[in-house]
């Protein structure tokens, strides 16, 4: 993958637009079977949600990094940020429910100027909070106290670390990112994150650095824990392996490198009904930075709103119209249902 310094959107690239991505992904003249047809063959009919367990909120597309695989196309040049007014609508929706977990993502969610206020308000509702932090933000000027803040609120932290070797991580996330990430992990460990008995959960995420599926989550976690502890003295709780979705920057990479067809074929051939039974969209609501509602984070980036009777915006949120809804699908859904499966919480099978 070529190094990036700006988002695709700021660079004016065609594939920055969701509709241009969908033209390629959902091309009905492609040799790949349609996901809905494949799913129906396993006797499930259509992909259907159940009870909502996770309320995932994208606080904005601004980020201090420009990672090569980023499905959000996030970066310092992205100005889309959730307003406090939209956050208040999200809180009003949460009050209607007993959804136990609120998952804050981005971009770098900490870059939203109302981040701390929002975490405070969610905590008042007695919900478990997950923050998807890129780690390096915790080492940036003005954010030095955020690790302690999140520890004080009992937030679970989930962070990407593409590999336990500096070269592979820096290749995907940018020069010097591995070193800053290790420094941030040491800070998190100092507050009790990743340590037994503290209740402060810190999980890492592995994304393949290339056009291949992740290896076994269980075996890779053992390697990560051994290498990171022995070489850097840092620890974490769980490793999540997540398949790269054929959208946004990774789609661009697949096309530019001539790997698109072979990667899609790999996903289709690896379709796993067991993995499909546990995909995140079945128990997650995804809220965009502007309040739009989606079945999952990937649909959000493709601007594929909830449908089939479910509301399109958080202001119209009614839980009964969202639970047991039909999920909006596309060819990218093969990414979550291939092999051991993939979700925001790692493998699903």
C-alpha atoms as a PDB file:
ATOM      1  CA  UNK A   1       0.000   0.000   0.000  1.00  0.00           C
ATOM      2  CA  UNK A   2       1.268   3.471  -0.870  1.00  0.00           C
ATOM      3  CA  UNK A   3       1.797   5.942   1.973  1.00  0.00           C
ATOM      4  CA  UNK A   4      -1.018   8.454   2.471  1.00  0.00           C
ATOM      5  CA  UNK A   5      -0.776  11.966   3.861  1.00  0.00           C
ATOM      6  CA  UNK A   6      -4.337  13.079   3.096  1.00  0.00           C
ATOM      7  CA  UNK A   7      -7.735  11.412   3.069  1.00  0.00           C
ATOM      8  CA  UNK A   8      -9.168  10.243  -0.251  1.00  0.00           C
ATOM      9  CA  UNK A   9     -11.861  12.902   0.096  1.00  0.00           C
ATOM     10  CA  UNK A  10      -9.328  15.727   0.523  1.00  0.00           C
ATOM     11  CA  UNK A  11      -7.363  14.370  -2.439  1.00  0.00           C
ATOM     12  CA  UNK A  12     -10.470  14.490  -4.627  1.00  0.00           C
ATOM     13  CA  UNK A  13     -10.319  10.760  -5.426  1.00  0.00           C
ATOM     14  CA  UNK A  14     -13.337   9.187  -7.096  1.00  0.00           C
ATOM     15  CA  UNK A  15     -13.537   6.322  -4.612  1.00  0.00           C
ATOM     16  CA  UNK A  16     -13.993   8.782  -1.750  1.00  0.00           C
ATOM     17  CA  UNK A  17     -17.673   8.795  -2.780  1.00  0.00           C
ATOM     18  CA  UNK A  18     -19.841   5.973  -1.402  1.00  0.00           C
ATOM     19  CA  UNK A  19     -21.843   5.613  -4.618  1.00  0.00           C
ATOM     20  CA  UNK A  20     -18.647   5.084  -6.622  1.00  0.00           C
ATOM     21  CA  UNK A  21     -17.558   2.337  -4.245  1.00  0.00           C
ATOM     22  CA  UNK A  22     -20.968   0.674  -4.485  1.00  0.00           C
ATOM     23  CA  UNK A  23     -20.802   0.659  -8.287  1.00  0.00           C
ATOM     24  CA  UNK A  24     -17.770  -1.599  -8.025  1.00  0.00           C
ATOM     25  CA  UNK A  25     -18.758  -3.693  -5.008  1.00  0.00           C
ATOM     26  CA  UNK A  26     -22.354  -4.375  -6.069  1.00  0.00           C
ATOM     27  CA  UNK A  27     -21.702  -4.776  -9.807  1.00  0.00           C
ATOM     28  CA  UNK A  28     -24.388  -7.237 -10.898  1.00  0.00           C
ATOM     29  CA  UNK A  29     -22.272  -8.266 -13.885  1.00  0.00           C
ATOM     30  CA  UNK A  30     -19.430  -9.396 -11.629  1.00  0.00           C
ATOM     31  CA  UNK A  31     -18.663 -13.136 -11.406  1.00  0.00           C
ATOM     32  CA  UNK A  32     -19.474 -13.279  -7.701  1.00  0.00           C
ATOM     33  CA  UNK A  33     -22.849 -14.485  -6.378  1.00  0.00           C
ATOM     34  CA  UNK A  34     -24.926 -11.817  -4.683  1.00  0.00           C
ATOM     35  CA  UNK A  35     -24.588 -11.955  -0.892  1.00  0.00           C
ATOM     36  CA  UNK A  36     -28.346 -12.201  -0.337  1.00  0.00           C
ATOM     37  CA  UNK A  37     -28.530 -15.199  -2.687  1.00  0.00           C
ATOM     38  CA  UNK A  38     -25.609 -16.884  -0.917  1.00  0.00           C
ATOM     39  CA  UNK A  39     -27.148 -16.219   2.486  1.00  0.00           C
ATOM     40  CA  UNK A  40     -30.520 -17.540   1.385  1.00  0.00           C
ATOM     41  CA  UNK A  41     -28.901 -20.804   0.291  1.00  0.00           C
ATOM     42  CA  UNK A  42     -28.026 -21.598   3.916  1.00  0.00           C
ATOM     43  CA  UNK A  43     -31.743 -21.504   4.719  1.00  0.00           C
ATOM     44  CA  UNK A  44     -31.816 -18.216   6.573  1.00  0.00           C
ATOM     45  CA  UNK A  45     -33.940 -16.176   4.158  1.00  0.00           C
ATOM     46  CA  UNK A  46     -32.587 -12.691   4.823  1.00  0.00           C
ATOM     47  CA  UNK A  47     -30.192 -11.321   7.406  1.00  0.00           C
ATOM     48  CA  UNK A  48     -32.267 -10.225  10.396  1.00  0.00           C
ATOM     49  CA  UNK A  49     -31.394  -8.324  13.559  1.00  0.00           C
ATOM     50  CA  UNK A  50     -32.295  -9.412  17.076  1.00  0.00           C
ATOM     51  CA  UNK A  51     -32.213  -7.461  20.305  1.00  0.00           C
ATOM     52  CA  UNK A  52     -29.907  -4.440  20.349  1.00  0.00           C
ATOM     53  CA  UNK A  53     -26.962  -4.876  22.711  1.00  0.00           C
ATOM     54  CA  UNK A  54     -24.575  -2.206  21.386  1.00  0.00           C
ATOM     55  CA  UNK A  55     -25.285   1.426  20.541  1.00  0.00           C
ATOM     56  CA  UNK A  56     -22.316   2.432  18.382  1.00  0.00           C
ATOM     57  CA  UNK A  57     -21.792   6.155  17.779  1.00  0.00           C
ATOM     58  CA  UNK A  58     -19.359   7.711  15.321  1.00  0.00           C
ATOM     59  CA  UNK A  59     -18.212  10.988  16.903  1.00  0.00           C
ATOM     60  CA  UNK A  60     -16.594  12.231  13.700  1.00  0.00           C
ATOM     61  CA  UNK A  61     -14.222  11.401  10.875  1.00  0.00           C
ATOM     62  CA  UNK A  62     -11.382  13.601  12.107  1.00  0.00           C
ATOM     63  CA  UNK A  63      -8.266  11.655  13.103  1.00  0.00           C
ATOM     64  CA  UNK A  64      -4.623  12.420  13.817  1.00  0.00           C
ATOM     65  CA  UNK A  65      -3.579   9.489  11.602  1.00  0.00           C
ATOM     66  CA  UNK A  66      -4.140   8.551   7.964  1.00  0.00           C
ATOM     67  CA  UNK A  67      -4.037   4.727   8.059  1.00  0.00           C
ATOM     68  CA  UNK A  68      -3.819   2.947   4.729  1.00  0.00           C
ATOM     69  CA  UNK A  69      -6.583   0.420   5.414  1.00  0.00           C
ATOM     70  CA  UNK A  70      -9.056   2.855   7.049  1.00  0.00           C
ATOM     71  CA  UNK A  71     -12.645   2.147   5.975  1.00  0.00           C
ATOM     72  CA  UNK A  72     -13.708   5.546   7.356  1.00  0.00           C
ATOM     73  CA  UNK A  73     -11.210   7.474   5.180  1.00  0.00           C
ATOM     74  CA  UNK A  74     -10.437   9.391   8.373  1.00  0.00           C
ATOM     75  CA  UNK A  75      -7.674  11.959   8.748  1.00  0.00           C
ATOM     76  CA  UNK A  76      -6.711  15.398  10.084  1.00  0.00           C
ATOM     77  CA  UNK A  77      -8.381  17.007   7.070  1.00  0.00           C
ATOM     78  CA  UNK A  78     -11.826  15.512   7.754  1.00  0.00           C
ATOM     79  CA  UNK A  79     -14.089  18.094   9.378  1.00  0.00           C
ATOM     80  CA  UNK A  80     -17.202  15.953   9.957  1.00  0.00           C
ATOM     81  CA  UNK A  81     -17.790  16.069  13.735  1.00  0.00           C
ATOM     82  CA  UNK A  82     -20.887  15.125  15.736  1.00  0.00           C
ATOM     83  CA  UNK A  83     -22.424  18.173  17.387  1.00  0.00           C
ATOM     84  CA  UNK A  84     -23.429  18.360  21.024  1.00  0.00           C
ATOM     85  CA  UNK A  85     -27.048  18.747  19.873  1.00  0.00           C
ATOM     86  CA  UNK A  86     -26.898  15.383  18.063  1.00  0.00           C
ATOM     87  CA  UNK A  87     -25.231  13.828  21.107  1.00  0.00           C
ATOM     88  CA  UNK A  88     -28.180  14.999  23.207  1.00  0.00           C
ATOM     89  CA  UNK A  89     -30.579  13.282  20.798  1.00  0.00           C
ATOM     90  CA  UNK A  90     -28.508  10.104  21.167  1.00  0.00           C
ATOM     91  CA  UNK A  91     -28.783  10.373  24.955  1.00  0.00           C
ATOM     92  CA  UNK A  92     -32.549  10.838  24.686  1.00  0.00           C
ATOM     93  CA  UNK A  93     -32.743   7.680  22.573  1.00  0.00           C
ATOM     94  CA  UNK A  94     -30.640   5.740  25.079  1.00  0.00           C
ATOM     95  CA  UNK A  95     -32.895   6.767  27.955  1.00  0.00           C
ATOM     96  CA  UNK A  96     -35.759   4.948  26.191  1.00  0.00           C
ATOM     97  CA  UNK A  97     -33.840   1.667  26.319  1.00  0.00           C
ATOM     98  CA  UNK A  98     -31.796  -0.639  28.495  1.00  0.00           C
ATOM     99  CA  UNK A  99     -29.135  -1.151  25.793  1.00  0.00           C
ATOM    100  CA  UNK A 100     -26.123  -2.023  27.980  1.00  0.00           C
ATOM    101  CA  UNK A 101     -23.156  -0.866  25.878  1.00  0.00           C
ATOM    102  CA  UNK A 102     -22.296   2.383  24.114  1.00  0.00           C
ATOM    103  CA  UNK A 103     -19.419   2.080  21.628  1.00  0.00           C
ATOM    104  CA  UNK A 104     -17.698   5.374  20.735  1.00  0.00           C
ATOM    105  CA  UNK A 105     -15.765   5.388  17.495  1.00  0.00           C
ATOM    106  CA  UNK A 106     -14.433   7.739  14.806  1.00  0.00           C
ATOM    107  CA  UNK A 107     -11.972   8.833  13.362  1.00  0.00           C
ATOM    108  CA  UNK A 108     -10.411   9.427  16.709  1.00  0.00           C
ATOM    109  CA  UNK A 109     -13.434   9.884  18.989  1.00  0.00           C
ATOM    110  CA  UNK A 110     -11.308  11.806  21.510  1.00  0.00           C
ATOM    111  CA  UNK A 111     -10.919  14.619  18.939  1.00  0.00           C
ATOM    112  CA  UNK A 112     -14.573  15.538  19.316  1.00  0.00           C
ATOM    113  CA  UNK A 113     -14.511  18.639  21.574  1.00  0.00           C
ATOM    114  CA  UNK A 114     -17.511  17.317  23.557  1.00  0.00           C
ATOM    115  CA  UNK A 115     -15.977  13.858  24.098  1.00  0.00           C
ATOM    116  CA  UNK A 116     -15.492  14.155  27.875  1.00  0.00           C
ATOM    117  CA  UNK A 117     -18.921  15.726  28.385  1.00  0.00           C
ATOM    118  CA  UNK A 118     -20.538  12.909  26.377  1.00  0.00           C
ATOM    119  CA  UNK A 119     -18.729  10.183  28.326  1.00  0.00           C
ATOM    120  CA  UNK A 120     -19.878  11.834  31.575  1.00  0.00           C
ATOM    121  CA  UNK A 121     -23.499  11.888  30.383  1.00  0.00           C
ATOM    122  CA  UNK A 122     -23.463   8.277  29.161  1.00  0.00           C
ATOM    123  CA  UNK A 123     -21.973   7.157  32.465  1.00  0.00           C
ATOM    124  CA  UNK A 124     -24.872   8.844  34.300  1.00  0.00           C
ATOM    125  CA  UNK A 125     -27.145   6.433  32.414  1.00  0.00           C
ATOM    126  CA  UNK A 126     -25.128   3.547  33.868  1.00  0.00           C
ATOM    127  CA  UNK A 127     -24.034   2.137  30.503  1.00  0.00           C
ATOM    128  CA  UNK A 128     -20.777   0.354  29.743  1.00  0.00           C
ATOM    129  CA  UNK A 129     -18.632   2.530  27.456  1.00  0.00           C
ATOM    130  CA  UNK A 130     -16.217   1.301  24.787  1.00  0.00           C
ATOM    131  CA  UNK A 131     -13.807   3.831  23.291  1.00  0.00           C
ATOM    132  CA  UNK A 132     -12.080   2.909  20.029  1.00  0.00           C
ATOM    133  CA  UNK A 133      -8.833   4.795  20.499  1.00  0.00           C
ATOM    134  CA  UNK A 134      -5.954   4.776  18.027  1.00  0.00           C
ATOM    135  CA  UNK A 135      -3.493   5.030  20.993  1.00  0.00           C
ATOM    136  CA  UNK A 136      -1.290   7.738  19.469  1.00  0.00           C
ATOM    137  CA  UNK A 137      -3.911  10.374  20.274  1.00  0.00           C
ATOM    138  CA  UNK A 138      -3.207   9.668  23.962  1.00  0.00           C
ATOM    139  CA  UNK A 139       0.371  10.846  23.360  1.00  0.00           C
ATOM    140  CA  UNK A 140      -0.670  14.034  21.556  1.00  0.00           C
ATOM    141  CA  UNK A 141      -0.575  17.551  22.981  1.00  0.00           C
ATOM    142  CA  UNK A 142      -3.757  18.361  24.850  1.00  0.00           C
ATOM    143  CA  UNK A 143      -4.782  14.720  25.287  1.00  0.00           C
ATOM    144  CA  UNK A 144      -2.241  13.602  27.884  1.00  0.00           C
ATOM    145  CA  UNK A 145      -4.924  13.205  30.584  1.00  0.00           C
ATOM    146  CA  UNK A 146      -7.423  11.270  28.471  1.00  0.00           C
ATOM    147  CA  UNK A 147      -6.105   7.842  29.518  1.00  0.00           C
ATOM    148  CA  UNK A 148      -6.627   8.733  33.183  1.00  0.00           C
ATOM    149  CA  UNK A 149     -10.054  10.217  32.376  1.00  0.00           C
ATOM    150  CA  UNK A 150     -11.204   7.029  30.658  1.00  0.00           C
ATOM    151  CA  UNK A 151      -9.837   4.875  33.475  1.00  0.00           C
ATOM    152  CA  UNK A 152     -11.773   6.999  35.976  1.00  0.00           C
ATOM    153  CA  UNK A 153     -14.969   6.319  34.030  1.00  0.00           C
ATOM    154  CA  UNK A 154     -14.286   2.592  33.650  1.00  0.00           C
ATOM    155  CA  UNK A 155     -14.238   2.832  29.861  1.00  0.00           C
ATOM    156  CA  UNK A 156     -13.195  -0.237  27.907  1.00  0.00           C
ATOM    157  CA  UNK A 157     -10.566   0.663  25.303  1.00  0.00           C
ATOM    158  CA  UNK A 158     -10.169  -1.045  21.935  1.00  0.00           C
ATOM    159  CA  UNK A 159      -7.169  -0.102  19.800  1.00  0.00           C
ATOM    160  CA  UNK A 160      -5.671  -1.191  16.504  1.00  0.00           C
ATOM    161  CA  UNK A 161      -2.125  -2.557  16.524  1.00  0.00           C
ATOM    162  CA  UNK A 162      -1.633  -4.268  13.146  1.00  0.00           C
ATOM    163  CA  UNK A 163       1.302  -6.337  14.399  1.00  0.00           C
ATOM    164  CA  UNK A 164       3.640  -6.781  17.353  1.00  0.00           C
ATOM    165  CA  UNK A 165       6.577  -5.724  15.172  1.00  0.00           C
ATOM    166  CA  UNK A 166       7.242  -2.062  14.453  1.00  0.00           C
ATOM    167  CA  UNK A 167       7.837  -2.472  10.714  1.00  0.00           C
ATOM    168  CA  UNK A 168       4.433  -4.002   9.962  1.00  0.00           C
ATOM    169  CA  UNK A 169       2.489  -1.553  12.129  1.00  0.00           C
ATOM    170  CA  UNK A 170       4.276   1.503  10.743  1.00  0.00           C
ATOM    171  CA  UNK A 171       3.736   0.222   7.199  1.00  0.00           C
ATOM    172  CA  UNK A 172      -0.022   0.301   7.701  1.00  0.00           C
ATOM    173  CA  UNK A 173      -0.495   3.186  10.128  1.00  0.00           C
ATOM    174  CA  UNK A 174       2.413   5.549   9.484  1.00  0.00           C
ATOM    175  CA  UNK A 175       6.044   6.046  10.477  1.00  0.00           C
ATOM    176  CA  UNK A 176       6.599   6.083  14.242  1.00  0.00           C
ATOM    177  CA  UNK A 177       3.069   4.930  15.089  1.00  0.00           C
ATOM    178  CA  UNK A 178       4.253   1.662  16.667  1.00  0.00           C
ATOM    179  CA  UNK A 179       6.620   3.420  19.046  1.00  0.00           C
ATOM    180  CA  UNK A 180       3.962   5.948  20.086  1.00  0.00           C
ATOM    181  CA  UNK A 181       1.446   3.127  20.489  1.00  0.00           C
ATOM    182  CA  UNK A 182       3.743   1.239  22.854  1.00  0.00           C
ATOM    183  CA  UNK A 183       4.241   4.418  24.890  1.00  0.00           C
ATOM    184  CA  UNK A 184       0.465   4.885  25.099  1.00  0.00           C
ATOM    185  CA  UNK A 185      -0.040   1.250  26.143  1.00  0.00           C
ATOM    186  CA  UNK A 186       2.482   1.719  28.951  1.00  0.00           C
ATOM    187  CA  UNK A 187       0.457   4.711  30.109  1.00  0.00           C
ATOM    188  CA  UNK A 188      -2.776   2.693  29.995  1.00  0.00           C
ATOM    189  CA  UNK A 189      -1.120  -0.161  31.907  1.00  0.00           C
ATOM    190  CA  UNK A 190       0.002   2.326  34.571  1.00  0.00           C
ATOM    191  CA  UNK A 191      -3.671   3.129  35.258  1.00  0.00           C
ATOM    192  CA  UNK A 192      -4.535  -0.575  35.455  1.00  0.00           C
ATOM    193  CA  UNK A 193      -5.663  -1.255  31.903  1.00  0.00           C
ATOM    194  CA  UNK A 194      -5.014  -4.814  30.739  1.00  0.00           C
ATOM    195  CA  UNK A 195      -4.172  -6.019  34.247  1.00  0.00           C
ATOM    196  CA  UNK A 196      -6.054  -8.748  36.113  1.00  0.00           C
ATOM    197  CA  UNK A 197      -8.369  -7.634  38.876  1.00  0.00           C
ATOM    198  CA  UNK A 198      -8.661  -3.975  37.864  1.00  0.00           C
ATOM    199  CA  UNK A 199     -11.796  -4.318  35.731  1.00  0.00           C
ATOM    200  CA  UNK A 200     -10.199  -1.994  33.180  1.00  0.00           C
ATOM    201  CA  UNK A 201     -10.418  -3.791  29.838  1.00  0.00           C
ATOM    202  CA  UNK A 202      -7.934  -3.023  27.083  1.00  0.00           C
ATOM    203  CA  UNK A 203      -8.218  -4.963  23.820  1.00  0.00           C
ATOM    204  CA  UNK A 204      -6.091  -4.823  20.684  1.00  0.00           C
ATOM    205  CA  UNK A 205      -7.166  -5.240  17.068  1.00  0.00           C
ATOM    206  CA  UNK A 206      -5.253  -6.988  14.268  1.00  0.00           C
ATOM    207  CA  UNK A 207      -5.958  -6.095  10.633  1.00  0.00           C
ATOM    208  CA  UNK A 208      -4.084  -7.953   7.868  1.00  0.00           C
ATOM    209  CA  UNK A 209      -1.462  -5.820   6.107  1.00  0.00           C
ATOM    210  CA  UNK A 210      -2.461  -7.004   2.647  1.00  0.00           C
ATOM    211  CA  UNK A 211      -5.090  -8.875   0.619  1.00  0.00           C
ATOM    212  CA  UNK A 212      -5.505 -11.919   2.854  1.00  0.00           C
ATOM    213  CA  UNK A 213      -7.721 -13.122   5.683  1.00  0.00           C
ATOM    214  CA  UNK A 214      -6.651 -12.944   9.342  1.00  0.00           C
ATOM    215  CA  UNK A 215      -5.035 -16.020  10.930  1.00  0.00           C
ATOM    216  CA  UNK A 216      -6.489 -17.783  13.977  1.00  0.00           C
ATOM    217  CA  UNK A 217      -7.478 -15.205  16.579  1.00  0.00           C
ATOM    218  CA  UNK A 218      -6.601 -17.486  19.482  1.00  0.00           C
ATOM    219  CA  UNK A 219      -3.100 -18.398  18.312  1.00  0.00           C
ATOM    220  CA  UNK A 220      -2.276 -14.842  17.223  1.00  0.00           C
ATOM    221  CA  UNK A 221      -3.364 -13.496  20.614  1.00  0.00           C
ATOM    222  CA  UNK A 222      -0.837 -15.783  22.302  1.00  0.00           C
ATOM    223  CA  UNK A 223       1.914 -14.484  20.009  1.00  0.00           C
ATOM    224  CA  UNK A 224       0.955 -10.852  20.669  1.00  0.00           C
ATOM    225  CA  UNK A 225       0.877 -11.304  24.444  1.00  0.00           C
ATOM    226  CA  UNK A 226       4.231 -13.078  24.520  1.00  0.00           C
ATOM    227  CA  UNK A 227       6.048 -10.686  22.208  1.00  0.00           C
ATOM    228  CA  UNK A 228       4.650  -7.451  23.649  1.00  0.00           C
ATOM    229  CA  UNK A 229       5.328  -8.504  27.233  1.00  0.00           C
ATOM    230  CA  UNK A 230       8.821  -9.865  26.602  1.00  0.00           C
ATOM    231  CA  UNK A 231      10.054  -7.037  24.375  1.00  0.00           C
ATOM    232  CA  UNK A 232       8.150  -4.010  25.664  1.00  0.00           C
ATOM    233  CA  UNK A 233       6.742  -4.987  29.052  1.00  0.00           C
ATOM    234  CA  UNK A 234       3.157  -4.160  28.071  1.00  0.00           C
ATOM    235  CA  UNK A 235      -0.047  -6.171  28.425  1.00  0.00           C
ATOM    236  CA  UNK A 236      -3.626  -6.277  27.195  1.00  0.00           C
ATOM    237  CA  UNK A 237      -6.737  -8.422  27.658  1.00  0.00           C
ATOM    238  CA  UNK A 238      -7.900  -9.744  24.288  1.00  0.00           C
ATOM    239  CA  UNK A 239      -6.867  -9.603  20.646  1.00  0.00           C
ATOM    240  CA  UNK A 240      -9.550  -9.145  17.991  1.00  0.00           C
ATOM    241  CA  UNK A 241      -8.832 -10.193  14.411  1.00  0.00           C
ATOM    242  CA  UNK A 242     -10.814  -8.135  11.896  1.00  0.00           C
ATOM    243  CA  UNK A 243     -11.015  -8.761   8.163  1.00  0.00           C
ATOM    244  CA  UNK A 244     -10.315  -5.754   5.934  1.00  0.00           C
ATOM    245  CA  UNK A 245     -13.551  -4.756   4.203  1.00  0.00           C
ATOM    246  CA  UNK A 246     -13.372  -4.154   0.433  1.00  0.00           C
ATOM    247  CA  UNK A 247     -14.445  -0.522   0.833  1.00  0.00           C
ATOM    248  CA  UNK A 248     -12.844   2.944   0.925  1.00  0.00           C
ATOM    249  CA  UNK A 249      -9.017   2.979   1.163  1.00  0.00           C
ATOM    250  CA  UNK A 250      -8.697  -0.795   1.194  1.00  0.00           C
ATOM    251  CA  UNK A 251     -10.891  -1.042  -1.901  1.00  0.00           C
ATOM    252  CA  UNK A 252      -8.643   1.517  -3.566  1.00  0.00           C
ATOM    253  CA  UNK A 253      -5.597  -0.550  -2.613  1.00  0.00           C
ATOM    254  CA  UNK A 254      -7.181  -3.744  -3.972  1.00  0.00           C
ATOM    255  CA  UNK A 255      -7.933  -2.103  -7.311  1.00  0.00           C
ATOM    256  CA  UNK A 256      -4.568  -0.330  -7.619  1.00  0.00           C
ATOM    257  CA  UNK A 257      -2.674  -3.541  -6.771  1.00  0.00           C
ATOM    258  CA  UNK A 258      -4.789  -5.743  -9.065  1.00  0.00           C
ATOM    259  CA  UNK A 259      -6.014  -7.837  -6.127  1.00  0.00           C
ATOM    260  CA  UNK A 260      -9.715  -6.940  -6.128  1.00  0.00           C
ATOM    261  CA  UNK A 261     -11.110  -9.980  -7.954  1.00  0.00           C
ATOM    262  CA  UNK A 262      -8.885 -12.480  -6.167  1.00  0.00           C
ATOM    263  CA  UNK A 263      -9.681 -10.961  -2.756  1.00  0.00           C
ATOM    264  CA  UNK A 264     -13.432 -10.981  -3.413  1.00  0.00           C
ATOM    265  CA  UNK A 265     -13.193 -14.572  -4.631  1.00  0.00           C
ATOM    266  CA  UNK A 266     -11.377 -15.468  -1.420  1.00  0.00           C
ATOM    267  CA  UNK A 267     -14.151 -13.896   0.660  1.00  0.00           C
ATOM    268  CA  UNK A 268     -16.901 -15.636  -1.323  1.00  0.00           C
ATOM    269  CA  UNK A 269     -15.166 -19.021  -1.177  1.00  0.00           C
ATOM    270  CA  UNK A 270     -14.664 -18.622   2.573  1.00  0.00           C
ATOM    271  CA  UNK A 271     -18.311 -17.783   3.332  1.00  0.00           C
ATOM    272  CA  UNK A 272     -19.178 -19.382   6.666  1.00  0.00           C
ATOM    273  CA  UNK A 273     -22.848 -19.725   7.792  1.00  0.00           C
ATOM    274  CA  UNK A 274     -21.710 -20.063  11.420  1.00  0.00           C
ATOM    275  CA  UNK A 275     -19.844 -16.756  11.191  1.00  0.00           C
ATOM    276  CA  UNK A 276     -22.868 -15.177   9.485  1.00  0.00           C
ATOM    277  CA  UNK A 277     -25.067 -16.148  12.445  1.00  0.00           C
ATOM    278  CA  UNK A 278     -23.054 -13.899  14.788  1.00  0.00           C
ATOM    279  CA  UNK A 279     -22.240 -10.785  12.737  1.00  0.00           C
ATOM    280  CA  UNK A 280     -22.323  -7.471  14.615  1.00  0.00           C
ATOM    281  CA  UNK A 281     -25.252  -5.980  12.688  1.00  0.00           C
ATOM    282  CA  UNK A 282     -27.540  -8.502  14.390  1.00  0.00           C
ATOM    283  CA  UNK A 283     -27.176  -6.802  17.757  1.00  0.00           C
ATOM    284  CA  UNK A 284     -25.779  -3.336  16.944  1.00  0.00           C
ATOM    285  CA  UNK A 285     -27.202   0.065  16.017  1.00  0.00           C
ATOM    286  CA  UNK A 286     -24.716   2.338  14.228  1.00  0.00           C
ATOM    287  CA  UNK A 287     -25.189   6.111  14.511  1.00  0.00           C
ATOM    288  CA  UNK A 288     -23.349   8.373  12.053  1.00  0.00           C
ATOM    289  CA  UNK A 289     -21.698  11.659  13.029  1.00  0.00           C
ATOM    290  CA  UNK A 290     -24.759  13.476  11.647  1.00  0.00           C
ATOM    291  CA  UNK A 291     -27.298  11.245  13.410  1.00  0.00           C
ATOM    292  CA  UNK A 292     -28.077   8.987  10.444  1.00  0.00           C
ATOM    293  CA  UNK A 293     -28.826   5.368  11.423  1.00  0.00           C
ATOM    294  CA  UNK A 294     -27.184   2.287   9.933  1.00  0.00           C
ATOM    295  CA  UNK A 295     -27.047  -1.453  10.540  1.00  0.00           C
ATOM    296  CA  UNK A 296     -23.277  -1.400  11.001  1.00  0.00           C
ATOM    297  CA  UNK A 297     -20.200   0.783  10.759  1.00  0.00           C
ATOM    298  CA  UNK A 298     -19.399  -0.461   7.244  1.00  0.00           C
ATOM    299  CA  UNK A 299     -22.890   0.320   5.924  1.00  0.00           C
ATOM    300  CA  UNK A 300     -22.446   3.748   7.487  1.00  0.00           C
ATOM    301  CA  UNK A 301     -19.346   4.452   5.403  1.00  0.00           C
ATOM    302  CA  UNK A 302     -21.196   3.282   2.283  1.00  0.00           C
ATOM    303  CA  UNK A 303     -24.142   5.538   3.229  1.00  0.00           C
ATOM    304  CA  UNK A 304     -26.534   2.575   3.258  1.00  0.00           C
ATOM    305  CA  UNK A 305     -29.106   3.668   5.835  1.00  0.00           C
ATOM    306  CA  UNK A 306     -31.311   1.336   7.824  1.00  0.00           C
ATOM    307  CA  UNK A 307     -34.397   0.419   5.813  1.00  0.00           C
ATOM    308  CA  UNK A 308     -37.286  -2.045   5.749  1.00  0.00           C
ATOM    309  CA  UNK A 309     -39.393   0.003   8.163  1.00  0.00           C
ATOM    310  CA  UNK A 310     -36.543   1.081  10.455  1.00  0.00           C
ATOM    311  CA  UNK A 311     -35.903   4.830  10.946  1.00  0.00           C
ATOM    312  CA  UNK A 312     -33.121   6.563   9.005  1.00  0.00           C
ATOM    313  CA  UNK A 313     -32.190   9.126  11.694  1.00  0.00           C
ATOM    314  CA  UNK A 314     -31.642   9.061  15.456  1.00  0.00           C
ATOM    315  CA  UNK A 315     -34.317  11.749  15.986  1.00  0.00           C
ATOM    316  CA  UNK A 316     -36.906   9.143  14.911  1.00  0.00           C
ATOM    317  CA  UNK A 317     -35.448   6.378  17.102  1.00  0.00           C
ATOM    318  CA  UNK A 318     -37.992   3.868  18.408  1.00  0.00           C
ATOM    319  CA  UNK A 319     -36.444   0.613  19.642  1.00  0.00           C
ATOM    320  CA  UNK A 320     -39.393  -1.558  18.584  1.00  0.00           C
ATOM    321  CA  UNK A 321     -38.921  -0.499  14.937  1.00  0.00           C
ATOM    322  CA  UNK A 322     -35.220  -1.366  15.068  1.00  0.00           C
ATOM    323  CA  UNK A 323     -35.111  -4.710  16.827  1.00  0.00           C
ATOM    324  CA  UNK A 324     -35.787  -7.708  14.566  1.00  0.00           C
ATOM    325  CA  UNK A 325     -35.434  -5.476  11.498  1.00  0.00           C
ATOM    326  CA  UNK A 326     -34.254  -6.745   8.138  1.00  0.00           C
ATOM    327  CA  UNK A 327     -30.604  -5.743   7.679  1.00  0.00           C
ATOM    328  CA  UNK A 328     -29.465  -3.888   4.569  1.00  0.00           C
ATOM    329  CA  UNK A 329     -26.778  -5.971   2.851  1.00  0.00           C
ATOM    330  CA  UNK A 330     -24.316  -5.792  -0.039  1.00  0.00           C
ATOM    331  CA  UNK A 331     -21.311  -7.605  -1.443  1.00  0.00           C
ATOM    332  CA  UNK A 332     -19.048  -6.135   1.260  1.00  0.00           C
ATOM    333  CA  UNK A 333     -20.941  -8.320   3.755  1.00  0.00           C
ATOM    334  CA  UNK A 334     -18.813 -11.244   2.565  1.00  0.00           C
ATOM    335  CA  UNK A 335     -16.004  -9.612   4.560  1.00  0.00           C
ATOM    336  CA  UNK A 336     -17.772 -10.189   7.882  1.00  0.00           C
ATOM    337  CA  UNK A 337     -18.899 -13.721   7.021  1.00  0.00           C
ATOM    338  CA  UNK A 338     -15.655 -15.183   5.626  1.00  0.00           C
ATOM    339  CA  UNK A 339     -13.637 -17.774   7.481  1.00  0.00           C
ATOM    340  CA  UNK A 340     -13.814 -17.310  11.262  1.00  0.00           C
ATOM    341  CA  UNK A 341     -15.945 -14.228  10.713  1.00  0.00           C
ATOM    342  CA  UNK A 342     -15.290 -10.611  11.567  1.00  0.00           C
ATOM    343  CA  UNK A 343     -16.971  -8.015  13.754  1.00  0.00           C
ATOM    344  CA  UNK A 344     -16.065  -5.058  15.958  1.00  0.00           C
ATOM    345  CA  UNK A 345     -15.451  -7.706  18.604  1.00  0.00           C
ATOM    346  CA  UNK A 346     -13.241  -9.901  16.462  1.00  0.00           C
ATOM    347  CA  UNK A 347     -13.925 -13.402  15.099  1.00  0.00           C
ATOM    348  CA  UNK A 348     -17.539 -14.590  15.229  1.00  0.00           C
ATOM    349  CA  UNK A 349     -17.135 -18.338  14.672  1.00  0.00           C
END
